[in-house]
């Protein structure tokens, strides 16, 4: 329950189905990251705070070594 789905209040039309699709997509992006050493919830937080990590996840690129 990395997204706290039990607390979601999506009731209008197909909002619940749309949010489920979006959650599944994001979960797949986070899980495919080979450099991930944190749990899913912490990786999501990292993507929220670190723009470079977020772009790395979206682009599907390996981490840049400096």
PDB file of N, CA and C in Angstrom:
ATOM      1  N   UNK A   1       0.836  -1.174   0.000  1.00  0.00           N
ATOM      2  CA  UNK A   1       0.000   0.000   0.000  1.00  0.00           C
ATOM      3  C   UNK A   1       0.886   1.245   0.000  1.00  0.00           C
ATOM      4  N   UNK A   2       1.677   1.396  -1.007  1.00  0.00           N
ATOM      5  CA  UNK A   2       2.616   2.515  -1.099  1.00  0.00           C
ATOM      6  C   UNK A   2       1.922   3.838  -1.374  1.00  0.00           C
ATOM      7  N   UNK A   3       0.710   3.777  -1.883  1.00  0.00           N
ATOM      8  CA  UNK A   3       0.009   5.004  -2.260  1.00  0.00           C
ATOM      9  C   UNK A   3      -1.140   5.335  -1.314  1.00  0.00           C
ATOM     10  N   UNK A   4      -1.292   4.587  -0.237  1.00  0.00           N
ATOM     11  CA  UNK A   4      -2.369   4.783   0.737  1.00  0.00           C
ATOM     12  C   UNK A   4      -3.733   4.754   0.047  1.00  0.00           C
ATOM     13  N   UNK A   5      -3.930   3.731  -0.777  1.00  0.00           N
ATOM     14  CA  UNK A   5      -5.146   3.601  -1.565  1.00  0.00           C
ATOM     15  C   UNK A   5      -6.394   3.523  -0.696  1.00  0.00           C
ATOM     16  N   UNK A   6      -6.279   2.962   0.489  1.00  0.00           N
ATOM     17  CA  UNK A   6      -7.449   2.812   1.352  1.00  0.00           C
ATOM     18  C   UNK A   6      -8.019   4.154   1.790  1.00  0.00           C
ATOM     19  N   UNK A   7      -7.214   5.192   1.756  1.00  0.00           N
ATOM     20  CA  UNK A   7      -7.668   6.512   2.182  1.00  0.00           C
ATOM     21  C   UNK A   7      -8.145   7.382   1.018  1.00  0.00           C
ATOM     22  N   UNK A   8      -8.097   6.859  -0.195  1.00  0.00           N
ATOM     23  CA  UNK A   8      -8.476   7.629  -1.380  1.00  0.00           C
ATOM     24  C   UNK A   8      -9.975   7.911  -1.388  1.00  0.00           C
ATOM     25  N   UNK A   9     -10.354   9.067  -1.896  1.00  0.00           N
ATOM     26  CA  UNK A   9     -11.750   9.477  -1.951  1.00  0.00           C
ATOM     27  C   UNK A   9     -12.178   9.804  -3.379  1.00  0.00           C
ATOM     28  N   UNK A  10     -11.780   8.997  -4.331  1.00  0.00           N
ATOM     29  CA  UNK A  10     -12.130   9.240  -5.727  1.00  0.00           C
ATOM     30  C   UNK A  10     -13.474   8.596  -6.014  1.00  0.00           C
ATOM     31  N   UNK A  11     -14.491   9.403  -6.171  1.00  0.00           N
ATOM     32  CA  UNK A  11     -15.839   8.878  -6.352  1.00  0.00           C
ATOM     33  C   UNK A  11     -16.483   9.308  -7.683  1.00  0.00           C
ATOM     34  N   UNK A  12     -16.020  10.377  -8.258  1.00  0.00           N
ATOM     35  CA  UNK A  12     -16.663  10.943  -9.452  1.00  0.00           C
ATOM     36  C   UNK A  12     -16.341  10.126 -10.699  1.00  0.00           C
ATOM     37  N   UNK A  13     -17.377   9.660 -11.360  1.00  0.00           N
ATOM     38  CA  UNK A  13     -17.314   8.959 -12.644  1.00  0.00           C
ATOM     39  C   UNK A  13     -16.221   7.901 -12.670  1.00  0.00           C
ATOM     40  N   UNK A  14     -15.213   8.068 -13.500  1.00  0.00           N
ATOM     41  CA  UNK A  14     -14.174   7.047 -13.633  1.00  0.00           C
ATOM     42  C   UNK A  14     -12.854   7.487 -12.995  1.00  0.00           C
ATOM     43  N   UNK A  15     -12.903   8.368 -12.033  1.00  0.00           N
ATOM     44  CA  UNK A  15     -11.686   8.864 -11.388  1.00  0.00           C
ATOM     45  C   UNK A  15     -10.931   7.750 -10.678  1.00  0.00           C
ATOM     46  N   UNK A  16     -11.638   6.828 -10.042  1.00  0.00           N
ATOM     47  CA  UNK A  16     -10.982   5.734  -9.331  1.00  0.00           C
ATOM     48  C   UNK A  16     -10.196   4.848 -10.300  1.00  0.00           C
ATOM     49  N   UNK A  17     -10.793   4.541 -11.440  1.00  0.00           N
ATOM     50  CA  UNK A  17     -10.104   3.713 -12.441  1.00  0.00           C
ATOM     51  C   UNK A  17      -8.895   4.445 -13.010  1.00  0.00           C
ATOM     52  N   UNK A  18      -9.030   5.742 -13.247  1.00  0.00           N
ATOM     53  CA  UNK A  18      -7.900   6.525 -13.760  1.00  0.00           C
ATOM     54  C   UNK A  18      -6.758   6.560 -12.757  1.00  0.00           C
ATOM     55  N   UNK A  19      -7.078   6.743 -11.489  1.00  0.00           N
ATOM     56  CA  UNK A  19      -6.035   6.793 -10.463  1.00  0.00           C
ATOM     57  C   UNK A  19      -5.348   5.432 -10.300  1.00  0.00           C
ATOM     58  N   UNK A  20      -6.114   4.362 -10.440  1.00  0.00           N
ATOM     59  CA  UNK A  20      -5.522   3.022 -10.367  1.00  0.00           C
ATOM     60  C   UNK A  20      -4.531   2.809 -11.501  1.00  0.00           C
ATOM     61  N   UNK A  21      -4.896   3.237 -12.697  1.00  0.00           N
ATOM     62  CA  UNK A  21      -3.990   3.119 -13.842  1.00  0.00           C
ATOM     63  C   UNK A  21      -2.725   3.936 -13.619  1.00  0.00           C
ATOM     64  N   UNK A  22      -2.882   5.137 -13.123  1.00  0.00           N
ATOM     65  CA  UNK A  22      -1.735   5.995 -12.860  1.00  0.00           C
ATOM     66  C   UNK A  22      -0.835   5.399 -11.774  1.00  0.00           C
ATOM     67  N   UNK A  23      -1.423   4.876 -10.712  1.00  0.00           N
ATOM     68  CA  UNK A  23      -0.636   4.245  -9.642  1.00  0.00           C
ATOM     69  C   UNK A  23       0.152   3.047 -10.162  1.00  0.00           C
ATOM     70  N   UNK A  24      -0.504   2.212 -10.973  1.00  0.00           N
ATOM     71  CA  UNK A  24       0.170   1.042 -11.533  1.00  0.00           C
ATOM     72  C   UNK A  24       1.345   1.451 -12.417  1.00  0.00           C
ATOM     73  N   UNK A  25       1.156   2.497 -13.200  1.00  0.00           N
ATOM     74  CA  UNK A  25       2.221   2.997 -14.077  1.00  0.00           C
ATOM     75  C   UNK A  25       3.411   3.484 -13.262  1.00  0.00           C
ATOM     76  N   UNK A  26       3.136   4.288 -12.234  1.00  0.00           N
ATOM     77  CA  UNK A  26       4.213   4.833 -11.400  1.00  0.00           C
ATOM     78  C   UNK A  26       4.921   3.712 -10.644  1.00  0.00           C
ATOM     79  N   UNK A  27       4.161   2.757 -10.140  1.00  0.00           N
ATOM     80  CA  UNK A  27       4.756   1.636  -9.423  1.00  0.00           C
ATOM     81  C   UNK A  27       5.696   0.847 -10.331  1.00  0.00           C
ATOM     82  N   UNK A  28       5.299   0.649 -11.577  1.00  0.00           N
ATOM     83  CA  UNK A  28       6.156  -0.051 -12.532  1.00  0.00           C
ATOM     84  C   UNK A  28       7.433   0.738 -12.801  1.00  0.00           C
ATOM     85  N   UNK A  29       7.330   2.067 -12.921  1.00  0.00           N
ATOM     86  CA  UNK A  29       8.518   2.896 -13.146  1.00  0.00           C
ATOM     87  C   UNK A  29       9.490   2.783 -11.978  1.00  0.00           C
ATOM     88  N   UNK A  30       8.961   2.850 -10.776  1.00  0.00           N
ATOM     89  CA  UNK A  30       9.823   2.797  -9.586  1.00  0.00           C
ATOM     90  C   UNK A  30      10.471   1.426  -9.458  1.00  0.00           C
ATOM     91  N   UNK A  31       9.706   0.378  -9.684  1.00  0.00           N
ATOM     92  CA  UNK A  31      10.238  -0.978  -9.509  1.00  0.00           C
ATOM     93  C   UNK A  31      11.283  -1.359 -10.551  1.00  0.00           C
ATOM     94  N   UNK A  32      11.243  -0.741 -11.728  1.00  0.00           N
ATOM     95  CA  UNK A  32      12.203  -1.108 -12.775  1.00  0.00           C
ATOM     96  C   UNK A  32      13.544  -0.384 -12.621  1.00  0.00           C
ATOM     97  N   UNK A  33      13.654   0.516 -11.660  1.00  0.00           N
ATOM     98  CA  UNK A  33      14.891   1.259 -11.445  1.00  0.00           C
ATOM     99  C   UNK A  33      15.950   0.338 -10.842  1.00  0.00           C
ATOM    100  N   UNK A  34      17.023   0.023 -11.592  1.00  0.00           N
ATOM    101  CA  UNK A  34      18.038  -0.894 -11.081  1.00  0.00           C
ATOM    102  C   UNK A  34      18.897  -0.288  -9.960  1.00  0.00           C
ATOM    103  N   UNK A  35      18.916   1.019  -9.846  1.00  0.00           N
ATOM    104  CA  UNK A  35      19.743   1.660  -8.826  1.00  0.00           C
ATOM    105  C   UNK A  35      18.988   1.861  -7.514  1.00  0.00           C
ATOM    106  N   UNK A  36      17.727   1.454  -7.466  1.00  0.00           N
ATOM    107  CA  UNK A  36      16.888   1.683  -6.286  1.00  0.00           C
ATOM    108  C   UNK A  36      17.345   0.816  -5.130  1.00  0.00           C
ATOM    109  N   UNK A  37      17.627   1.473  -4.003  1.00  0.00           N
ATOM    110  CA  UNK A  37      18.030   0.764  -2.796  1.00  0.00           C
ATOM    111  C   UNK A  37      17.030   1.005  -1.676  1.00  0.00           C
ATOM    112  N   UNK A  38      16.043   1.827  -1.946  1.00  0.00           N
ATOM    113  CA  UNK A  38      15.017   2.154  -0.970  1.00  0.00           C
ATOM    114  C   UNK A  38      13.745   1.379  -1.287  1.00  0.00           C
ATOM    115  N   UNK A  39      12.810   1.401  -0.390  1.00  0.00           N
ATOM    116  CA  UNK A  39      11.505   0.813  -0.645  1.00  0.00           C
ATOM    117  C   UNK A  39      10.727   1.656  -1.631  1.00  0.00           C
ATOM    118  N   UNK A  40       9.584   1.159  -2.028  1.00  0.00           N
ATOM    119  CA  UNK A  40       8.768   1.851  -3.020  1.00  0.00           C
ATOM    120  C   UNK A  40       8.309   3.208  -2.491  1.00  0.00           C
ATOM    121  N   UNK A  41       7.810   3.243  -1.266  1.00  0.00           N
ATOM    122  CA  UNK A  41       7.306   4.506  -0.711  1.00  0.00           C
ATOM    123  C   UNK A  41       8.419   5.545  -0.619  1.00  0.00           C
ATOM    124  N   UNK A  42       9.593   5.152  -0.177  1.00  0.00           N
ATOM    125  CA  UNK A  42      10.706   6.097  -0.066  1.00  0.00           C
ATOM    126  C   UNK A  42      11.231   6.511  -1.438  1.00  0.00           C
ATOM    127  N   UNK A  43      11.174   5.618  -2.401  1.00  0.00           N
ATOM    128  CA  UNK A  43      11.590   5.979  -3.758  1.00  0.00           C
ATOM    129  C   UNK A  43      10.633   6.998  -4.366  1.00  0.00           C
ATOM    130  N   UNK A  44       9.345   6.855  -4.064  1.00  0.00           N
ATOM    131  CA  UNK A  44       8.376   7.847  -4.525  1.00  0.00           C
ATOM    132  C   UNK A  44       8.649   9.203  -3.900  1.00  0.00           C
ATOM    133  N   UNK A  45       8.960   9.210  -2.621  1.00  0.00           N
ATOM    134  CA  UNK A  45       9.287  10.472  -1.954  1.00  0.00           C
ATOM    135  C   UNK A  45      10.536  11.088  -2.565  1.00  0.00           C
ATOM    136  N   UNK A  46      11.535  10.247  -2.839  1.00  0.00           N
ATOM    137  CA  UNK A  46      12.766  10.757  -3.455  1.00  0.00           C
ATOM    138  C   UNK A  46      12.472  11.395  -4.806  1.00  0.00           C
ATOM    139  N   UNK A  47      11.609  10.759  -5.591  1.00  0.00           N
ATOM    140  CA  UNK A  47      11.242  11.314  -6.893  1.00  0.00           C
ATOM    141  C   UNK A  47      10.501  12.637  -6.732  1.00  0.00           C
ATOM    142  N   UNK A  48       9.774  12.789  -5.636  1.00  0.00           N
ATOM    143  CA  UNK A  48       9.065  14.035  -5.383  1.00  0.00           C
ATOM    144  C   UNK A  48       9.985  15.177  -4.995  1.00  0.00           C
ATOM    145  N   UNK A  49      11.102  14.849  -4.376  1.00  0.00           N
ATOM    146  CA  UNK A  49      12.029  15.879  -3.920  1.00  0.00           C
ATOM    147  C   UNK A  49      13.228  16.090  -4.854  1.00  0.00           C
ATOM    148  N   UNK A  50      13.574  15.077  -5.627  1.00  0.00           N
ATOM    149  CA  UNK A  50      14.771  15.116  -6.466  1.00  0.00           C
ATOM    150  C   UNK A  50      14.361  15.069  -7.941  1.00  0.00           C
ATOM    151  N   UNK A  51      14.403  16.217  -8.586  1.00  0.00           N
ATOM    152  CA  UNK A  51      13.960  16.308  -9.974  1.00  0.00           C
ATOM    153  C   UNK A  51      14.802  15.447 -10.916  1.00  0.00           C
ATOM    154  N   UNK A  52      16.089  15.332 -10.647  1.00  0.00           N
ATOM    155  CA  UNK A  52      16.960  14.517 -11.497  1.00  0.00           C
ATOM    156  C   UNK A  52      16.569  13.033 -11.416  1.00  0.00           C
ATOM    157  N   UNK A  53      16.260  12.565 -10.218  1.00  0.00           N
ATOM    158  CA  UNK A  53      15.816  11.182 -10.054  1.00  0.00           C
ATOM    159  C   UNK A  53      14.478  10.959 -10.758  1.00  0.00           C
ATOM    160  N   UNK A  54      13.576  11.914 -10.645  1.00  0.00           N
ATOM    161  CA  UNK A  54      12.276  11.812 -11.307  1.00  0.00           C
ATOM    162  C   UNK A  54      12.460  11.701 -12.824  1.00  0.00           C
ATOM    163  N   UNK A  55      13.288  12.553 -13.388  1.00  0.00           N
ATOM    164  CA  UNK A  55      13.525  12.501 -14.834  1.00  0.00           C
ATOM    165  C   UNK A  55      14.198  11.197 -15.241  1.00  0.00           C
ATOM    166  N   UNK A  56      15.079  10.688 -14.387  1.00  0.00           N
ATOM    167  CA  UNK A  56      15.726   9.399 -14.653  1.00  0.00           C
ATOM    168  C   UNK A  56      14.674   8.296 -14.717  1.00  0.00           C
ATOM    169  N   UNK A  57      13.723   8.297 -13.807  1.00  0.00           N
ATOM    170  CA  UNK A  57      12.667   7.296 -13.804  1.00  0.00           C
ATOM    171  C   UNK A  57      11.806   7.399 -15.058  1.00  0.00           C
ATOM    172  N   UNK A  58      11.432   8.625 -15.410  1.00  0.00           N
ATOM    173  CA  UNK A  58      10.555   8.826 -16.562  1.00  0.00           C
ATOM    174  C   UNK A  58      11.240   8.430 -17.871  1.00  0.00           C
ATOM    175  N   UNK A  59      12.501   8.806 -17.996  1.00  0.00           N
ATOM    176  CA  UNK A  59      13.233   8.498 -19.225  1.00  0.00           C
ATOM    177  C   UNK A  59      13.693   7.052 -19.290  1.00  0.00           C
ATOM    178  N   UNK A  60      13.761   6.387 -18.141  1.00  0.00           N
ATOM    179  CA  UNK A  60      14.218   5.004 -18.106  1.00  0.00           C
ATOM    180  C   UNK A  60      15.715   4.885 -18.293  1.00  0.00           C
ATOM    181  N   UNK A  61      16.433   5.919 -17.917  1.00  0.00           N
ATOM    182  CA  UNK A  61      17.880   5.929 -18.078  1.00  0.00           C
ATOM    183  C   UNK A  61      18.564   5.438 -16.813  1.00  0.00           C
ATOM    184  N   UNK A  62      19.710   4.806 -16.951  1.00  0.00           N
ATOM    185  CA  UNK A  62      20.472   4.441 -15.765  1.00  0.00           C
ATOM    186  C   UNK A  62      20.998   5.701 -15.086  1.00  0.00           C
ATOM    187  N   UNK A  63      21.334   5.632 -13.813  1.00  0.00           N
ATOM    188  CA  UNK A  63      21.810   6.817 -13.112  1.00  0.00           C
ATOM    189  C   UNK A  63      23.122   7.330 -13.692  1.00  0.00           C
ATOM    190  N   UNK A  64      23.252   8.637 -13.745  1.00  0.00           N
ATOM    191  CA  UNK A  64      24.481   9.259 -14.239  1.00  0.00           C
ATOM    192  C   UNK A  64      25.518   9.235 -13.130  1.00  0.00           C
ATOM    193  N   UNK A  65      26.682   8.716 -13.450  1.00  0.00           N
ATOM    194  CA  UNK A  65      27.771   8.675 -12.466  1.00  0.00           C
ATOM    195  C   UNK A  65      28.635   9.894 -12.644  1.00  0.00           C
ATOM    196  N   UNK A  66      28.792  10.637 -11.577  1.00  0.00           N
ATOM    197  CA  UNK A  66      29.587  11.863 -11.651  1.00  0.00           C
ATOM    198  C   UNK A  66      31.015  11.623 -11.252  1.00  0.00           C
TER     199      UNK A  66
END
